[in-house]
């Protein structure tokens, strides 16, 4: 690889903290090979190409998400979203929220089960491709947000806590058109300890 190519590679595909087959049976190794190894990698590659020799080369990934639009935003946000999504999954997850997060969920949704059902309903109803987020606003209130395509709560001044990918490449190999089933299975791999760490520190 020559130096001119290296300059393009500002961003790289983050390593996963688990093996590709570690989330089975909820998420298969085949899905991970395509979702992480192909789609996530493609967004990284596209972003590096798009920002080469532009001012965005000097920005962090989050800054690019907040400042860009069009193709650069779409690819930057998808890199950010996917990294965030894969980080919250675990073969040995903390299976319930605790502390301030648990209290906020009960306050704003009534129970964890209500929150899960709201996310499943919202994700099932989202037309086309996109993301469903659990996010925290500046008043520390929690909300479930459906966002099409590469949408991210950062652009609305909110703190993302949990991401559900409802692009077909996230679930179609394992679940075909059963989007709701794929999200229902995802709860067995969500690490609520990771979600807690994402809560704003006041």
N, C-alpha and C. Protein backbone atom coordinates (compact mmCIF):
# COMPACT_ATOMS: atom_id res chain seq x y z
N UNK A 1 0.85 -1.19 0.00
CA UNK A 1 0.00 0.00 0.00
C UNK A 1 0.89 1.24 0.00
N UNK A 2 0.66 2.16 -0.95
CA UNK A 2 1.50 3.34 -1.00
C UNK A 2 0.97 4.42 -0.07
N UNK A 3 1.76 5.48 0.14
CA UNK A 3 1.42 6.50 1.12
C UNK A 3 0.15 7.26 0.75
N UNK A 4 -0.11 7.43 -0.56
CA UNK A 4 -1.30 8.18 -0.96
C UNK A 4 -2.57 7.44 -0.56
N UNK A 5 -2.52 6.10 -0.61
CA UNK A 5 -3.68 5.33 -0.19
C UNK A 5 -3.84 5.37 1.31
N UNK A 6 -2.74 5.29 2.04
CA UNK A 6 -2.80 5.34 3.49
C UNK A 6 -3.45 6.63 3.99
N UNK A 7 -3.19 7.73 3.30
CA UNK A 7 -3.76 9.00 3.73
C UNK A 7 -5.29 8.97 3.70
N UNK A 8 -5.88 8.17 2.80
CA UNK A 8 -7.32 8.10 2.69
C UNK A 8 -7.93 7.39 3.90
N UNK A 9 -7.18 6.46 4.49
CA UNK A 9 -7.72 5.60 5.53
C UNK A 9 -7.71 6.25 6.91
N UNK A 10 -8.42 7.35 7.04
CA UNK A 10 -8.52 8.01 8.34
C UNK A 10 -9.28 7.13 9.32
N UNK A 11 -10.34 6.49 8.84
CA UNK A 11 -11.16 5.63 9.68
C UNK A 11 -10.96 4.17 9.31
N UNK A 12 -11.00 3.31 10.30
CA UNK A 12 -10.87 1.88 10.08
C UNK A 12 -12.03 1.16 10.74
N UNK A 13 -12.28 -0.06 10.32
CA UNK A 13 -13.35 -0.86 10.90
C UNK A 13 -12.96 -1.25 12.32
N UNK A 14 -13.75 -0.85 13.32
CA UNK A 14 -13.40 -1.19 14.71
C UNK A 14 -13.46 -2.71 14.93
N UNK A 15 -12.54 -3.21 15.73
CA UNK A 15 -12.57 -4.63 16.04
C UNK A 15 -13.74 -4.94 16.97
N UNK A 16 -14.36 -6.08 16.76
CA UNK A 16 -15.43 -6.52 17.64
C UNK A 16 -14.86 -7.07 18.94
N UNK A 17 -15.56 -6.89 20.07
CA UNK A 17 -15.09 -7.43 21.34
C UNK A 17 -15.50 -8.89 21.55
N UNK A 18 -15.94 -9.55 20.49
CA UNK A 18 -16.39 -10.94 20.56
C UNK A 18 -16.20 -11.55 19.17
N UNK A 19 -16.23 -12.91 19.11
CA UNK A 19 -16.09 -13.61 17.84
C UNK A 19 -17.35 -13.47 17.00
N UNK A 20 -17.21 -13.67 15.69
CA UNK A 20 -18.34 -13.52 14.79
C UNK A 20 -19.48 -14.50 15.09
N UNK A 21 -19.14 -15.64 15.68
CA UNK A 21 -20.17 -16.63 15.97
C UNK A 21 -20.67 -16.57 17.42
N UNK A 22 -20.21 -15.55 18.17
CA UNK A 22 -20.48 -15.51 19.62
C UNK A 22 -21.90 -15.11 19.97
N UNK A 23 -22.64 -14.54 19.02
CA UNK A 23 -24.00 -14.07 19.31
C UNK A 23 -25.07 -15.07 18.85
N UNK A 24 -24.64 -16.22 18.35
CA UNK A 24 -25.56 -17.26 17.92
C UNK A 24 -26.30 -17.84 19.13
N UNK A 25 -27.58 -18.19 19.05
CA UNK A 25 -28.41 -18.28 17.83
C UNK A 25 -29.20 -17.02 17.49
N UNK A 26 -29.14 -16.01 18.35
CA UNK A 26 -29.92 -14.79 18.06
C UNK A 26 -29.43 -14.11 16.78
N UNK A 27 -28.12 -14.10 16.59
CA UNK A 27 -27.52 -13.51 15.39
C UNK A 27 -26.47 -14.51 14.89
N UNK A 28 -26.61 -14.97 13.67
CA UNK A 28 -25.72 -15.99 13.14
C UNK A 28 -24.38 -15.43 12.71
N UNK A 29 -23.42 -16.32 12.60
CA UNK A 29 -22.10 -15.92 12.08
C UNK A 29 -22.23 -15.40 10.66
N UNK A 30 -23.10 -16.00 9.86
CA UNK A 30 -23.28 -15.53 8.48
C UNK A 30 -23.77 -14.09 8.45
N UNK A 31 -24.75 -13.78 9.30
CA UNK A 31 -25.22 -12.39 9.37
C UNK A 31 -24.10 -11.46 9.78
N UNK A 32 -23.32 -11.85 10.76
CA UNK A 32 -22.22 -11.00 11.22
C UNK A 32 -21.19 -10.79 10.12
N UNK A 33 -20.93 -11.82 9.35
CA UNK A 33 -19.94 -11.68 8.25
C UNK A 33 -20.41 -10.67 7.22
N UNK A 34 -21.71 -10.64 6.96
CA UNK A 34 -22.23 -9.67 6.00
C UNK A 34 -22.46 -8.30 6.64
N UNK A 35 -23.12 -8.29 7.80
CA UNK A 35 -23.50 -7.03 8.44
C UNK A 35 -22.25 -6.25 8.88
N UNK A 36 -21.38 -6.91 9.62
CA UNK A 36 -20.16 -6.26 10.10
C UNK A 36 -19.06 -6.27 9.03
N UNK A 37 -18.80 -7.45 8.48
CA UNK A 37 -17.65 -7.59 7.59
C UNK A 37 -17.82 -6.96 6.23
N UNK A 38 -19.05 -6.88 5.73
CA UNK A 38 -19.29 -6.32 4.40
C UNK A 38 -19.91 -4.92 4.47
N UNK A 39 -21.09 -4.81 5.12
CA UNK A 39 -21.80 -3.53 5.13
C UNK A 39 -21.07 -2.47 5.95
N UNK A 40 -20.71 -2.80 7.19
CA UNK A 40 -20.00 -1.83 8.03
C UNK A 40 -18.69 -1.43 7.36
N UNK A 41 -17.96 -2.41 6.84
CA UNK A 41 -16.70 -2.11 6.16
C UNK A 41 -16.91 -1.20 4.96
N UNK A 42 -17.98 -1.43 4.21
CA UNK A 42 -18.25 -0.61 3.03
C UNK A 42 -18.50 0.85 3.42
N UNK A 43 -19.23 1.07 4.51
CA UNK A 43 -19.45 2.46 4.96
C UNK A 43 -18.13 3.12 5.34
N UNK A 44 -17.27 2.38 6.00
CA UNK A 44 -15.95 2.92 6.37
C UNK A 44 -15.17 3.28 5.11
N UNK A 45 -15.13 2.37 4.15
CA UNK A 45 -14.39 2.61 2.91
C UNK A 45 -14.96 3.81 2.16
N UNK A 46 -16.28 3.87 2.05
CA UNK A 46 -16.92 4.98 1.33
C UNK A 46 -16.63 6.31 2.01
N UNK A 47 -16.69 6.34 3.34
CA UNK A 47 -16.43 7.58 4.06
C UNK A 47 -15.01 8.06 3.82
N UNK A 48 -14.05 7.15 3.91
CA UNK A 48 -12.66 7.54 3.68
C UNK A 48 -12.46 8.13 2.29
N UNK A 49 -13.12 7.54 1.31
CA UNK A 49 -13.01 8.05 -0.06
C UNK A 49 -13.66 9.42 -0.18
N UNK A 50 -14.83 9.59 0.40
CA UNK A 50 -15.59 10.83 0.27
C UNK A 50 -14.91 12.03 0.96
N UNK A 51 -14.23 11.79 2.07
CA UNK A 51 -13.64 12.92 2.82
C UNK A 51 -12.21 13.21 2.41
N UNK A 52 -11.64 12.39 1.55
CA UNK A 52 -10.25 12.60 1.14
C UNK A 52 -10.09 13.97 0.49
N UNK A 53 -9.10 14.71 0.97
CA UNK A 53 -8.81 16.06 0.46
C UNK A 53 -9.96 17.04 0.66
N UNK A 54 -10.74 16.84 1.73
CA UNK A 54 -11.78 17.80 2.12
C UNK A 54 -11.51 18.21 3.57
N UNK A 55 -12.14 19.29 4.04
CA UNK A 55 -11.97 19.68 5.45
C UNK A 55 -12.39 18.60 6.44
N UNK A 56 -13.27 17.68 6.01
CA UNK A 56 -13.74 16.64 6.92
C UNK A 56 -12.63 15.68 7.35
N UNK A 57 -11.53 15.66 6.63
CA UNK A 57 -10.39 14.83 7.03
C UNK A 57 -9.89 15.21 8.43
N UNK A 58 -10.13 16.44 8.84
CA UNK A 58 -9.63 16.92 10.12
C UNK A 58 -10.64 16.76 11.26
N UNK A 59 -11.81 16.22 10.95
CA UNK A 59 -12.86 16.11 11.95
C UNK A 59 -12.92 14.70 12.53
N UNK A 60 -13.41 14.61 13.76
CA UNK A 60 -13.73 13.31 14.34
C UNK A 60 -14.98 12.76 13.66
N UNK A 61 -15.26 11.49 13.87
CA UNK A 61 -16.44 10.88 13.26
C UNK A 61 -17.71 11.58 13.74
N UNK A 62 -17.81 11.87 15.03
CA UNK A 62 -18.99 12.54 15.55
C UNK A 62 -19.14 13.94 14.96
N UNK A 63 -18.03 14.65 14.79
CA UNK A 63 -18.09 15.99 14.19
C UNK A 63 -18.58 15.91 12.75
N UNK A 64 -18.16 14.89 12.02
CA UNK A 64 -18.62 14.73 10.64
C UNK A 64 -20.13 14.49 10.62
N UNK A 65 -20.60 13.63 11.52
CA UNK A 65 -22.04 13.36 11.60
C UNK A 65 -22.81 14.65 11.86
N UNK A 66 -22.31 15.49 12.74
CA UNK A 66 -23.01 16.71 13.12
C UNK A 66 -22.91 17.82 12.08
N UNK A 67 -21.85 17.82 11.26
CA UNK A 67 -21.61 18.94 10.36
C UNK A 67 -21.91 18.66 8.89
N UNK A 68 -22.03 17.41 8.51
CA UNK A 68 -22.12 17.07 7.09
C UNK A 68 -23.56 16.83 6.65
N UNK A 69 -23.71 16.60 5.37
CA UNK A 69 -25.01 16.24 4.80
C UNK A 69 -24.76 15.38 3.57
N UNK A 70 -25.83 14.89 2.98
CA UNK A 70 -25.70 14.10 1.76
C UNK A 70 -24.92 12.81 1.96
N UNK A 71 -24.13 12.45 0.97
CA UNK A 71 -23.41 11.17 1.00
C UNK A 71 -22.42 11.07 2.15
N UNK A 72 -21.76 12.17 2.46
CA UNK A 72 -20.80 12.13 3.56
C UNK A 72 -21.53 11.86 4.87
N UNK A 73 -22.64 12.55 5.11
CA UNK A 73 -23.41 12.27 6.32
C UNK A 73 -23.88 10.83 6.35
N UNK A 74 -24.46 10.36 5.25
CA UNK A 74 -25.02 9.01 5.22
C UNK A 74 -23.98 7.96 5.61
N UNK A 75 -22.79 8.07 5.05
CA UNK A 75 -21.75 7.08 5.34
C UNK A 75 -21.13 7.28 6.72
N UNK A 76 -20.91 8.53 7.12
CA UNK A 76 -20.37 8.79 8.45
C UNK A 76 -21.32 8.32 9.54
N UNK A 77 -22.60 8.63 9.37
CA UNK A 77 -23.58 8.22 10.37
C UNK A 77 -23.72 6.70 10.42
N UNK A 78 -23.64 6.05 9.27
CA UNK A 78 -23.73 4.60 9.27
C UNK A 78 -22.50 3.95 9.93
N UNK A 79 -21.34 4.54 9.77
CA UNK A 79 -20.16 4.05 10.50
C UNK A 79 -20.38 4.22 12.00
N UNK A 80 -20.82 5.41 12.40
CA UNK A 80 -21.06 5.68 13.83
C UNK A 80 -22.16 4.76 14.36
N UNK A 81 -23.27 4.67 13.65
CA UNK A 81 -24.41 3.87 14.11
C UNK A 81 -24.04 2.41 14.28
N UNK A 82 -23.35 1.86 13.29
CA UNK A 82 -22.99 0.44 13.35
C UNK A 82 -21.99 0.17 14.47
N UNK A 83 -21.02 1.03 14.64
CA UNK A 83 -20.07 0.85 15.73
C UNK A 83 -20.79 0.83 17.07
N UNK A 84 -21.69 1.76 17.25
CA UNK A 84 -22.50 1.89 18.46
C UNK A 84 -23.35 0.64 18.66
N UNK A 85 -23.96 0.16 17.59
CA UNK A 85 -24.83 -1.02 17.63
C UNK A 85 -24.06 -2.26 18.06
N UNK A 86 -22.93 -2.53 17.41
CA UNK A 86 -22.18 -3.74 17.73
C UNK A 86 -21.58 -3.71 19.13
N UNK A 87 -21.24 -2.52 19.63
CA UNK A 87 -20.66 -2.40 20.97
C UNK A 87 -21.64 -2.80 22.07
N UNK A 88 -22.93 -2.66 21.83
CA UNK A 88 -23.92 -2.92 22.87
C UNK A 88 -24.33 -4.39 22.95
N UNK A 89 -23.83 -5.21 22.04
CA UNK A 89 -24.16 -6.62 22.01
C UNK A 89 -23.08 -7.43 22.73
N UNK A 90 -23.49 -8.54 23.32
CA UNK A 90 -22.53 -9.35 24.06
C UNK A 90 -22.99 -10.80 24.14
N UNK A 91 -22.05 -11.74 24.10
CA UNK A 91 -22.42 -13.14 24.34
C UNK A 91 -22.78 -13.41 25.80
N UNK A 92 -22.34 -12.51 26.69
CA UNK A 92 -22.63 -12.64 28.13
C UNK A 92 -23.11 -11.30 28.68
N UNK A 93 -24.29 -10.88 28.26
CA UNK A 93 -24.76 -9.54 28.60
C UNK A 93 -25.30 -9.42 30.03
N UNK A 94 -25.25 -8.21 30.56
CA UNK A 94 -26.04 -7.88 31.74
C UNK A 94 -27.47 -7.77 31.24
N UNK A 95 -28.36 -8.64 31.73
CA UNK A 95 -29.65 -8.79 31.06
C UNK A 95 -30.74 -7.84 31.53
N UNK A 96 -30.47 -7.03 32.55
CA UNK A 96 -31.44 -6.02 32.97
C UNK A 96 -30.71 -4.72 33.31
N UNK A 97 -31.36 -3.58 33.08
CA UNK A 97 -30.75 -2.31 33.48
C UNK A 97 -30.76 -2.15 34.99
N UNK A 98 -29.84 -1.36 35.49
CA UNK A 98 -29.76 -1.11 36.93
C UNK A 98 -29.58 0.38 37.18
N UNK A 99 -29.62 0.77 38.43
CA UNK A 99 -29.31 2.13 38.84
C UNK A 99 -30.19 3.18 38.19
N UNK A 100 -29.55 4.30 37.81
CA UNK A 100 -30.28 5.44 37.26
C UNK A 100 -31.01 5.11 35.97
N UNK A 101 -30.42 4.24 35.15
CA UNK A 101 -31.09 3.85 33.90
C UNK A 101 -32.38 3.10 34.20
N UNK A 102 -32.32 2.15 35.13
CA UNK A 102 -33.52 1.39 35.49
C UNK A 102 -34.61 2.32 36.01
N UNK A 103 -34.23 3.28 36.84
CA UNK A 103 -35.19 4.22 37.39
C UNK A 103 -35.81 5.08 36.29
N UNK A 104 -34.97 5.51 35.33
CA UNK A 104 -35.48 6.35 34.24
C UNK A 104 -36.44 5.57 33.35
N UNK A 105 -36.15 4.29 33.11
CA UNK A 105 -37.03 3.46 32.28
C UNK A 105 -38.40 3.31 32.94
N UNK A 106 -38.41 3.04 34.24
CA UNK A 106 -39.69 2.91 34.95
C UNK A 106 -40.43 4.24 34.95
N UNK A 107 -39.72 5.33 35.16
CA UNK A 107 -40.35 6.66 35.17
C UNK A 107 -40.99 6.99 33.82
N UNK A 108 -40.27 6.71 32.72
CA UNK A 108 -40.72 7.19 31.41
C UNK A 108 -41.52 6.17 30.60
N UNK A 109 -41.41 4.87 30.97
CA UNK A 109 -42.14 3.84 30.22
C UNK A 109 -42.98 2.93 31.10
N UNK A 110 -42.83 3.02 32.40
CA UNK A 110 -43.61 2.19 33.30
C UNK A 110 -42.91 0.91 33.70
N UNK A 111 -42.17 0.30 32.75
CA UNK A 111 -41.43 -0.93 33.03
C UNK A 111 -40.48 -1.22 31.87
N UNK A 112 -39.53 -2.10 32.11
CA UNK A 112 -38.63 -2.52 31.03
C UNK A 112 -39.41 -3.24 29.94
N UNK A 113 -40.36 -4.04 30.32
CA UNK A 113 -41.16 -4.76 29.32
C UNK A 113 -41.91 -3.78 28.43
N UNK A 114 -42.45 -2.72 29.00
CA UNK A 114 -43.13 -1.70 28.18
C UNK A 114 -42.17 -1.05 27.20
N UNK A 115 -40.94 -0.76 27.66
CA UNK A 115 -39.95 -0.17 26.77
C UNK A 115 -39.63 -1.12 25.61
N UNK A 116 -39.40 -2.38 25.92
CA UNK A 116 -39.10 -3.35 24.87
C UNK A 116 -40.24 -3.42 23.85
N UNK A 117 -41.46 -3.47 24.34
CA UNK A 117 -42.61 -3.55 23.44
C UNK A 117 -42.74 -2.29 22.59
N UNK A 118 -42.44 -1.13 23.18
CA UNK A 118 -42.50 0.12 22.42
C UNK A 118 -41.46 0.13 21.31
N UNK A 119 -40.26 -0.36 21.60
CA UNK A 119 -39.21 -0.41 20.59
C UNK A 119 -39.59 -1.38 19.48
N UNK A 120 -40.12 -2.54 19.83
CA UNK A 120 -40.53 -3.51 18.82
C UNK A 120 -41.65 -2.93 17.95
N UNK A 121 -42.64 -2.30 18.56
CA UNK A 121 -43.74 -1.70 17.79
C UNK A 121 -43.22 -0.61 16.85
N UNK A 122 -42.35 0.23 17.38
CA UNK A 122 -41.82 1.34 16.58
C UNK A 122 -40.97 0.83 15.43
N UNK A 123 -40.14 -0.17 15.70
CA UNK A 123 -39.27 -0.71 14.66
C UNK A 123 -40.07 -1.44 13.59
N UNK A 124 -41.12 -2.14 13.99
CA UNK A 124 -41.95 -2.85 13.03
C UNK A 124 -42.71 -1.88 12.13
N UNK A 125 -43.09 -0.74 12.69
CA UNK A 125 -43.87 0.25 11.93
C UNK A 125 -43.01 1.15 11.05
N UNK A 126 -41.70 1.20 11.29
CA UNK A 126 -40.84 2.09 10.52
C UNK A 126 -40.82 1.65 9.06
N UNK A 127 -41.24 2.52 8.17
CA UNK A 127 -41.31 2.18 6.75
C UNK A 127 -39.91 2.23 6.15
N UNK A 128 -39.56 1.20 5.41
CA UNK A 128 -38.27 1.17 4.75
C UNK A 128 -37.15 0.85 5.71
N UNK A 129 -35.99 1.43 5.47
CA UNK A 129 -34.80 1.14 6.26
C UNK A 129 -34.51 2.27 7.23
N UNK A 130 -33.83 1.92 8.32
CA UNK A 130 -33.47 2.96 9.28
C UNK A 130 -33.07 2.38 10.61
N UNK A 131 -33.25 3.19 11.65
CA UNK A 131 -32.84 2.84 13.00
C UNK A 131 -33.93 3.25 13.99
N UNK A 132 -34.02 2.51 15.07
CA UNK A 132 -34.85 2.93 16.20
C UNK A 132 -33.92 3.07 17.40
N UNK A 133 -34.04 4.20 18.07
CA UNK A 133 -33.11 4.55 19.14
C UNK A 133 -33.84 4.73 20.46
N UNK A 134 -33.18 4.34 21.53
CA UNK A 134 -33.51 4.83 22.87
C UNK A 134 -32.52 5.95 23.13
N UNK A 135 -33.04 7.15 23.37
CA UNK A 135 -32.18 8.30 23.55
C UNK A 135 -32.64 9.15 24.73
N UNK A 136 -31.73 9.99 25.20
CA UNK A 136 -31.98 10.84 26.36
C UNK A 136 -31.90 12.30 25.94
N UNK A 137 -32.90 13.09 26.32
CA UNK A 137 -32.85 14.50 25.94
C UNK A 137 -32.13 15.32 27.01
N UNK A 138 -32.08 16.62 26.81
CA UNK A 138 -31.31 17.48 27.72
C UNK A 138 -31.95 17.62 29.09
N UNK A 139 -33.19 17.16 29.23
CA UNK A 139 -33.86 17.16 30.54
C UNK A 139 -33.77 15.78 31.19
N UNK A 140 -32.95 14.89 30.58
CA UNK A 140 -32.75 13.52 31.06
C UNK A 140 -34.00 12.66 30.94
N UNK A 141 -34.88 13.02 30.02
CA UNK A 141 -36.05 12.19 29.74
C UNK A 141 -35.70 11.23 28.60
N UNK A 142 -36.19 9.99 28.70
CA UNK A 142 -35.93 8.98 27.69
C UNK A 142 -37.02 9.00 26.63
N UNK A 143 -36.63 8.67 25.39
CA UNK A 143 -37.59 8.61 24.30
C UNK A 143 -37.17 7.54 23.31
N UNK A 144 -38.15 6.92 22.66
CA UNK A 144 -37.90 5.99 21.57
C UNK A 144 -38.09 6.75 20.26
N UNK A 145 -37.05 6.74 19.43
CA UNK A 145 -37.06 7.56 18.22
C UNK A 145 -36.89 6.69 16.97
N UNK A 146 -37.88 6.69 16.06
CA UNK A 146 -37.67 6.06 14.76
C UNK A 146 -36.99 7.06 13.83
N UNK A 147 -35.94 6.63 13.15
CA UNK A 147 -35.22 7.52 12.24
C UNK A 147 -34.88 6.76 10.97
N UNK A 148 -35.27 7.29 9.84
CA UNK A 148 -35.06 6.60 8.58
C UNK A 148 -33.61 6.72 8.12
N UNK A 149 -33.23 5.75 7.30
CA UNK A 149 -31.92 5.71 6.67
C UNK A 149 -30.78 5.75 7.69
N UNK A 150 -29.95 6.79 7.70
CA UNK A 150 -28.80 6.84 8.61
C UNK A 150 -29.05 7.75 9.80
N UNK A 151 -30.31 8.07 10.10
CA UNK A 151 -30.62 9.02 11.15
C UNK A 151 -29.99 8.70 12.49
N UNK A 152 -29.61 9.77 13.20
CA UNK A 152 -28.91 9.62 14.48
C UNK A 152 -29.40 10.71 15.44
N UNK A 153 -29.71 10.36 16.70
CA UNK A 153 -30.20 11.35 17.66
C UNK A 153 -29.23 12.48 17.95
N UNK A 154 -27.95 12.29 17.67
CA UNK A 154 -26.97 13.36 17.89
C UNK A 154 -27.37 14.63 17.14
N UNK A 155 -27.96 14.46 15.97
CA UNK A 155 -28.32 15.62 15.15
C UNK A 155 -29.53 16.36 15.71
N UNK A 156 -30.17 15.80 16.74
CA UNK A 156 -31.30 16.44 17.41
C UNK A 156 -30.92 16.87 18.83
N UNK A 157 -29.63 16.88 19.11
CA UNK A 157 -29.16 17.30 20.42
C UNK A 157 -29.44 16.31 21.53
N UNK A 158 -29.64 15.05 21.17
CA UNK A 158 -29.95 14.02 22.16
C UNK A 158 -28.79 13.04 22.31
N UNK A 159 -28.78 12.32 23.43
CA UNK A 159 -27.74 11.34 23.70
C UNK A 159 -28.24 9.95 23.36
N UNK A 160 -27.65 9.29 22.36
CA UNK A 160 -28.08 7.92 22.04
C UNK A 160 -27.67 6.95 23.16
N UNK A 161 -28.57 6.04 23.48
CA UNK A 161 -28.29 5.03 24.50
C UNK A 161 -28.31 3.62 23.93
N UNK A 162 -29.27 3.34 23.05
CA UNK A 162 -29.42 2.00 22.50
C UNK A 162 -29.89 2.14 21.05
N UNK A 163 -29.34 1.30 20.18
CA UNK A 163 -29.69 1.36 18.76
C UNK A 163 -30.22 0.02 18.28
N UNK A 164 -31.31 0.06 17.51
CA UNK A 164 -31.83 -1.13 16.86
C UNK A 164 -31.76 -0.87 15.35
N UNK A 165 -31.02 -1.71 14.66
CA UNK A 165 -30.82 -1.58 13.22
C UNK A 165 -31.97 -2.29 12.51
N UNK A 166 -32.77 -1.54 11.77
CA UNK A 166 -33.87 -2.16 11.04
C UNK A 166 -33.67 -2.12 9.53
N UNK A 167 -32.41 -1.97 9.10
CA UNK A 167 -32.08 -2.24 7.71
C UNK A 167 -32.16 -3.76 7.51
N UNK A 168 -32.62 -4.18 6.35
CA UNK A 168 -32.81 -5.62 6.13
C UNK A 168 -31.51 -6.41 6.27
N UNK A 169 -30.37 -5.80 5.97
CA UNK A 169 -29.13 -6.57 6.07
C UNK A 169 -28.81 -6.97 7.51
N UNK A 170 -29.47 -6.35 8.48
CA UNK A 170 -29.22 -6.67 9.89
C UNK A 170 -29.92 -7.96 10.32
N UNK A 171 -30.96 -8.36 9.57
CA UNK A 171 -31.75 -9.50 10.07
C UNK A 171 -32.23 -10.48 9.00
N UNK A 172 -32.14 -10.15 7.72
CA UNK A 172 -32.86 -10.92 6.72
C UNK A 172 -32.32 -12.35 6.56
N UNK A 173 -31.02 -12.55 6.71
CA UNK A 173 -30.47 -13.90 6.58
C UNK A 173 -31.08 -14.84 7.62
N UNK A 174 -31.20 -14.35 8.85
CA UNK A 174 -31.69 -15.19 9.95
C UNK A 174 -33.21 -15.21 10.08
N UNK A 175 -33.86 -14.10 9.77
CA UNK A 175 -35.28 -13.97 10.07
C UNK A 175 -36.16 -13.68 8.86
N UNK A 176 -35.54 -13.55 7.69
CA UNK A 176 -36.28 -13.19 6.48
C UNK A 176 -37.09 -11.91 6.73
N UNK A 177 -38.38 -11.92 6.53
CA UNK A 177 -39.17 -10.68 6.67
C UNK A 177 -39.73 -10.50 8.08
N UNK A 178 -39.29 -11.31 9.04
CA UNK A 178 -39.84 -11.26 10.40
C UNK A 178 -39.05 -10.26 11.26
N UNK A 179 -39.20 -9.00 10.92
CA UNK A 179 -38.45 -7.95 11.61
C UNK A 179 -38.72 -7.95 13.11
N UNK A 180 -39.97 -8.07 13.51
CA UNK A 180 -40.31 -8.04 14.93
C UNK A 180 -39.64 -9.19 15.68
N UNK A 181 -39.59 -10.37 15.07
CA UNK A 181 -38.93 -11.52 15.72
C UNK A 181 -37.45 -11.26 15.91
N UNK A 182 -36.82 -10.62 14.93
CA UNK A 182 -35.38 -10.35 15.04
C UNK A 182 -35.10 -9.40 16.20
N UNK A 183 -35.98 -8.43 16.41
CA UNK A 183 -35.78 -7.48 17.51
C UNK A 183 -36.10 -8.14 18.85
N UNK A 184 -37.13 -8.99 18.87
CA UNK A 184 -37.42 -9.72 20.09
C UNK A 184 -36.26 -10.58 20.53
N UNK A 185 -35.58 -11.21 19.58
CA UNK A 185 -34.42 -12.05 19.91
C UNK A 185 -33.22 -11.21 20.35
N UNK A 186 -33.16 -9.97 19.85
CA UNK A 186 -32.01 -9.12 20.16
C UNK A 186 -31.87 -8.84 21.65
N UNK A 187 -32.99 -8.84 22.37
CA UNK A 187 -32.92 -8.52 23.80
C UNK A 187 -32.03 -9.50 24.56
N UNK A 188 -31.88 -10.71 24.05
CA UNK A 188 -31.02 -11.69 24.72
C UNK A 188 -29.54 -11.38 24.53
N UNK A 189 -29.22 -10.41 23.69
CA UNK A 189 -27.82 -10.04 23.43
C UNK A 189 -27.50 -8.59 23.80
N UNK A 190 -28.51 -7.84 24.22
CA UNK A 190 -28.27 -6.45 24.63
C UNK A 190 -27.61 -6.44 26.01
N UNK A 191 -26.48 -5.77 26.11
CA UNK A 191 -25.77 -5.64 27.38
C UNK A 191 -26.19 -4.33 28.04
N UNK A 192 -27.08 -4.43 29.03
CA UNK A 192 -27.57 -3.22 29.68
C UNK A 192 -26.49 -2.51 30.48
N UNK A 193 -25.41 -3.23 30.83
CA UNK A 193 -24.28 -2.56 31.46
C UNK A 193 -23.64 -1.56 30.53
N UNK A 194 -23.59 -1.90 29.23
CA UNK A 194 -23.07 -0.96 28.22
C UNK A 194 -24.00 0.23 28.09
N UNK A 195 -25.30 -0.02 28.08
CA UNK A 195 -26.27 1.07 27.93
C UNK A 195 -26.17 2.03 29.10
N UNK A 196 -26.00 1.49 30.31
CA UNK A 196 -25.87 2.34 31.50
C UNK A 196 -24.70 3.30 31.38
N UNK A 197 -23.59 2.83 30.83
CA UNK A 197 -22.40 3.67 30.71
C UNK A 197 -22.61 4.82 29.74
N UNK A 198 -23.59 4.70 28.88
CA UNK A 198 -23.88 5.75 27.90
C UNK A 198 -24.78 6.85 28.46
N UNK A 199 -25.34 6.64 29.64
CA UNK A 199 -26.19 7.65 30.26
C UNK A 199 -25.39 8.93 30.51
N UNK A 200 -25.99 10.10 30.30
CA UNK A 200 -25.29 11.35 30.61
C UNK A 200 -24.91 11.40 32.07
N UNK A 201 -23.71 11.90 32.34
CA UNK A 201 -23.24 12.04 33.71
C UNK A 201 -23.53 13.46 34.20
N UNK A 202 -24.42 13.58 35.16
CA UNK A 202 -24.80 14.91 35.65
C UNK A 202 -24.09 15.20 36.99
